Amino acid sequence: MKQLTLATVGFERYAKPTRRAAFLTEMERVVPWPALCGLIEPFYPKPGNGRPPIGIERMLRIYFLQQWFNLSDPAVEEALYDSQAMRRFVGIDLGLPESRHAAAGGAAVCRTGRRGNAGSSQAFICDCNPQ
């Protein structure tokens, strides 16, 4: 278990689980994250000159939040600052500098989300959902 920073410690024992938190917990359990990341990894930007890219799994989780909750790029950034359940799902702790950078990734989500096309998305879904 990761150690919590002061940004996440507080009133957890008094919190009532929300439908959003229950949904995200279920998606954490059901979605094959390693398989999805393995499919994306060959196409994902590699660290080099400039700002390092946000991790594949974190960016994928942010992208899924956008799809599940119908959020625009600025709206998902705001939701990550606003919702503890979403931050926990994505793996963001606002008490850590690298997580604050990831929470402010609306522009990065915008660039990453437009890399594929409809055909590659369908193949991606078929590869990750074997029958």
Protein backbone atom coordinates (compact mmCIF):
# COMPACT_ATOMS: atom_id res chain seq x y z
CA MET A 1 0.00 0.00 0.00
CA LYS A 2 1.26 3.47 -0.86
CA GLN A 3 1.77 5.96 1.92
CA LEU A 4 -0.81 8.75 1.79
CA THR A 5 0.15 12.41 1.79
CA LEU A 6 -1.69 15.07 3.75
CA ALA A 7 -3.64 15.92 0.58
CA THR A 8 -5.41 12.54 0.73
CA VAL A 9 -5.59 11.92 4.47
CA GLY A 10 -8.54 13.29 6.35
CA PHE A 11 -12.13 12.27 6.31
CA GLU A 12 -11.99 8.92 4.44
CA ARG A 13 -13.45 7.02 7.37
CA TYR A 14 -16.51 9.27 7.32
CA ALA A 15 -17.03 9.17 3.55
CA LYS A 16 -19.98 7.37 2.02
CA PRO A 17 -19.10 5.40 -1.14
CA THR A 18 -20.63 7.15 -4.15
CA ARG A 19 -22.00 5.53 -7.30
CA ARG A 20 -19.05 7.01 -9.18
CA ALA A 21 -16.56 5.45 -6.75
CA ALA A 22 -18.35 2.09 -6.97
CA PHE A 23 -18.32 2.24 -10.77
CA LEU A 24 -14.62 3.11 -10.90
CA THR A 25 -13.79 0.31 -8.45
CA GLU A 26 -15.62 -2.13 -10.70
CA MET A 27 -13.83 -0.84 -13.81
CA GLU A 28 -10.50 -1.17 -11.98
CA ARG A 29 -11.33 -4.83 -11.47
CA VAL A 30 -12.82 -5.60 -14.90
CA VAL A 31 -10.71 -3.70 -17.46
CA PRO A 32 -7.53 -5.54 -18.58
CA TRP A 33 -5.15 -2.61 -18.04
CA PRO A 34 -1.87 -4.45 -18.78
CA ALA A 35 -3.25 -5.81 -22.08
CA LEU A 36 -4.49 -2.37 -23.14
CA CYS A 37 -1.19 -0.72 -22.25
CA GLY A 38 0.67 -3.39 -24.21
CA LEU A 39 -1.38 -2.61 -27.33
CA ILE A 40 -0.78 1.14 -27.03
CA GLU A 41 2.90 1.07 -26.03
CA PRO A 42 4.37 0.79 -29.57
CA PHE A 43 2.53 3.96 -30.63
CA TYR A 44 2.91 6.00 -27.44
CA PRO A 45 5.48 8.85 -27.39
CA LYS A 46 8.86 7.95 -25.94
CA PRO A 47 10.77 10.20 -23.52
CA GLY A 48 13.34 12.33 -25.28
CA ASN A 49 13.89 16.03 -25.63
CA GLY A 50 11.34 18.17 -23.87
CA ARG A 51 8.74 17.32 -21.29
CA PRO A 52 8.47 13.59 -20.50
CA PRO A 53 5.14 12.01 -21.48
CA ILE A 54 2.63 10.99 -18.85
CA GLY A 55 2.62 7.24 -18.24
CA ILE A 56 0.62 5.08 -20.64
CA GLU A 57 -1.71 3.59 -18.03
CA ARG A 58 -2.42 6.93 -16.38
CA MET A 59 -3.21 8.57 -19.72
CA LEU A 60 -5.38 5.61 -20.75
CA ARG A 61 -7.31 5.84 -17.49
CA ILE A 62 -7.86 9.58 -18.04
CA TYR A 63 -9.06 8.87 -21.57
CA PHE A 64 -11.49 6.23 -20.28
CA LEU A 65 -12.83 8.72 -17.71
CA GLN A 66 -13.54 11.10 -20.56
CA GLN A 67 -15.47 8.44 -22.45
CA TRP A 68 -17.40 7.05 -19.47
CA PHE A 69 -18.44 10.42 -18.04
CA ASN A 70 -18.64 12.39 -21.33
CA LEU A 71 -15.97 14.91 -20.31
CA SER A 72 -14.08 17.33 -22.54
CA ASP A 73 -10.34 17.85 -22.06
CA PRO A 74 -10.76 20.84 -19.69
CA ALA A 75 -13.65 19.09 -17.90
CA VAL A 76 -11.61 15.95 -17.15
CA GLU A 77 -8.82 18.13 -15.76
CA GLU A 78 -11.32 19.90 -13.50
CA ALA A 79 -12.93 16.59 -12.50
CA LEU A 80 -9.52 15.21 -11.47
CA TYR A 81 -9.00 18.19 -9.18
CA ASP A 82 -12.56 17.91 -7.86
CA SER A 83 -13.17 14.17 -7.40
CA GLN A 84 -11.18 12.03 -4.98
CA ALA A 85 -12.64 8.88 -6.58
CA MET A 86 -11.34 9.89 -10.01
CA ARG A 87 -7.92 10.83 -8.65
CA ARG A 88 -7.69 7.47 -6.87
CA PHE A 89 -8.71 5.63 -10.06
CA VAL A 90 -6.10 7.44 -12.17
CA GLY A 91 -3.43 7.24 -9.45
CA ILE A 92 -3.03 10.94 -8.77
CA ASP A 93 -2.06 12.30 -5.35
CA LEU A 94 -2.15 16.10 -5.40
CA GLY A 95 0.40 16.16 -2.59
CA LEU A 96 3.09 14.91 -4.99
CA PRO A 97 4.58 17.25 -7.65
CA GLU A 98 4.54 14.64 -10.44
CA SER A 99 0.85 13.96 -9.79
CA ARG A 100 -0.04 17.65 -9.96
CA HIS A 101 1.60 17.72 -13.39
CA ALA A 102 -0.48 14.70 -14.45
CA ALA A 103 -3.71 16.27 -13.20
CA ALA A 104 -3.05 19.28 -15.41
CA GLY A 105 -2.82 17.06 -18.49
CA GLY A 106 -5.84 18.31 -20.44
CA ALA A 107 -3.76 19.31 -23.45
CA ALA A 108 -1.90 16.00 -23.36
CA VAL A 109 -5.20 14.11 -23.34
CA CYS A 110 -6.30 16.15 -26.32
CA ARG A 111 -3.19 15.19 -28.32
CA THR A 112 -3.27 11.51 -27.28
CA GLY A 113 -6.99 10.99 -27.87
CA ARG A 114 -6.77 12.05 -31.50
CA ARG A 115 -3.93 9.70 -32.55
CA GLY A 116 -6.17 6.81 -33.59
CA ASN A 117 -9.00 6.51 -36.06
CA ALA A 118 -12.27 4.57 -36.03
CA GLY A 119 -10.76 1.46 -37.65
CA SER A 120 -7.88 1.20 -35.21
CA SER A 121 -10.27 1.76 -32.30
CA GLN A 122 -12.44 -1.16 -33.42
CA ALA A 123 -9.38 -3.43 -33.79
CA PHE A 124 -8.17 -2.24 -30.39
CA ILE A 125 -11.48 -3.20 -28.76
CA CYS A 126 -11.50 -6.62 -30.46
CA ASP A 127 -7.92 -7.35 -29.33
CA CYS A 128 -8.78 -6.50 -25.73
CA ASN A 129 -12.10 -8.32 -25.57
CA PRO A 130 -11.46 -11.93 -26.61
CA GLN A 131 -14.59 -14.05 -26.86
